[in-house]
Structure formats: structure tokens, C-alpha cells
Amino acid sequence: MNTKKILAVFAVSAIYLPTFATGELNLESLLTWAVQPEATQLNLASTSIVWVDSIDASTLVVRLSNQLSGISSSSDAKVLEDISVASSIKSPDNTKKIDIALNSDLMMGTNYSIISISEGLDSSIDFNFSAPMTEIKNSITPTQTGINHIVVKDTKNIELYLNNDATLGTYEFKVFKEISSANMFLDTSNVNVQLSQPILPNMDYILILNLKDMENKDIEVENSLFDFVSGEFITAPVLPEVSTGSEVPVAVEVPVDNPMETTGQPIEDVAMKVAQTPDTGAKTNVLLALTFILTLWIFVLRRKSFKM
């Protein structure tokens, strides 16, 4: 029996130690379990996240170390986007107040989290930015020094109030934008997550995964807080619309040459203008007179020849 199996015996014996007193479990059964095939013992290993891949701006694929039989519809996930903090300064006028300035704007109607990363201040608060100058009470009352409430002054400035006096020289905070999951489903070892809001490409994010089995019991995930970097999202090309043949034909006006029109005017108007032109009108009259005289002369000659 190898070292791993011996350690497994001690681990299981520690878990089932109360049952030895009742005689329900003996050392022989433990040794029998220890020499089972390695695959049997792997089923007892805790689940962890192997990697996270962003298929597009709103879809994540989370690869797990173990295959699960199923997950409950109450499972959920959150993606945290780091909102850069420009400064966090203790107020000179209020010993419980800390002024936080951000490098980018908060978005209306969006959920956020403020988390202290200062040693000696383990506290956080979740809030939804709905309007400037809004006071938000912490739903979790801190037992020692912690965040009591905040006032969101505007899109880039937050006043944070502690429940006790600030005793540290400096305080550091992280502000995260929360993007919740809209839908999740399990595909063997992959959890597919559809996000309620899109994420940006090539950005650092934190995934918080909360899985429950089909009996709605928590599935322990070792690294349920998982850092990942979003990928390059490829924008799908816009394809031209294809006719299905069911559309009602629409009459389209196509310009057609009208033999009765010239440059947009009736031919009668054009003829009148030509007749009114001095040069052209005079030449036409002379031509008609010559034609009449010539015709009359030919008629007279023919009549004389008949009489002779």
C-alpha cells in the first residue's frame, strides 16, 4: 500500500473516529477502501476551477477539475471588474470618514462592491448606484472597526464612513463592478455562464462561482474566486439580408423617356419656341414659298403639254 493510501486511511479514520466506538466501522474495512482503484478515490477530491475562457463579450466557459452530475437552477456566478481607485484619504474633519476618488465613472443602475485591502480592516459593502448623494447603509453590521455606510456623491467620488474611528495611517480599498449571470448550464466538466452585461476584451476580471447540486446543496469549489483575463472578441460580420420570397413587391418609380417630352417640356411648347426663333422661322417661311412656286410652275408646264 503506497503512501497516498496510508494517508487516506488516517484521513478517513479521523473523519469516522466516533463510529469506531460503536463498532460500525473497523480497520479492515478502512484498509479495504484504501486499496480500491485510484479512480474511486478521485471522486472524493474537491472540485476546483481549471480555467475560464470568454467565448464572446457575454459568454464564459468555466472548466472544472471534476465532472458533476448536475447543478441546480439556484447556482449563480458573478464577474467583478476592477474600477481603478485614484485615492483614498482620511478626512481631516471627521475621524470616521474616508474619501475615495475613482479614475472612471460609475454607471447608473449597476451593482458595485467596495472591499478593504488594508491590514486590520476586514470589511466590505455592496451597493447599487441609483442617484448622486445617495446614502447606503451596510447590510452587514461590522463587529469591530468596519464600513458603516457610504455616500455616493457623484460618479467618481464616494464618502466612506466607519463605525469606529480610523486608527490606521492609510487605508486602501478596491472597488469592483458586479456583472451577474443571466443563465447557467452544465456540460459535463464545463459550466457555461451567460452574463447579464458584456465584458471588455483583454481585461482582468474575477469570477465568483456559487454552485449547488440538484438537491440544492452547496458544491464546494476550492478556488471559487478565480482571476482570469478576457480574450479578443471577434465581431461577427454583418451579412446582407436574404429575400425569403414572401415579401410584398413594392412599386419603384423608374424614369422612362417620354416621346412627347424633350428635356422635361412638351414637344408642342418646344415647337412653338422654335417657330418663334427669328432665324429659324425666316428660313422656314422662305423654304415653304420656294416649294409652292416650284410646284405651281411644274403644274403649269404639264397643263400646257396636255393642250398641245
Foldseek 3Di string as FASTA:
>chain_A
DDPVLVVVLVVVCVVCVVVVVVVPDDSVVSVVVSPPDPVVVVVVDAKAWDAWAAQAQFKIKTFIPAFDPWFDFPWKKKKWAWFAWPFWAQDPVDQFKIKTFTPDFDDAQFKKKKAWPDPPEGEMAIDGHHDAQDKAAGPDDDPPWYWGIKHRHGRTMIMTGIPDGDDDPGTDMIMITMWIFPGWTDDGRIIMTGTPDTDDAFGKMWMQTWTAGPVRHTRDYPCNTDIDHYHDHDDDDDDDDDDPPPDDDDDDDDDDDDPQDDPRHGVVVVVVVQCPPVVNVVVVVVVVVVVVVVVVVVVVVVVVVVVD
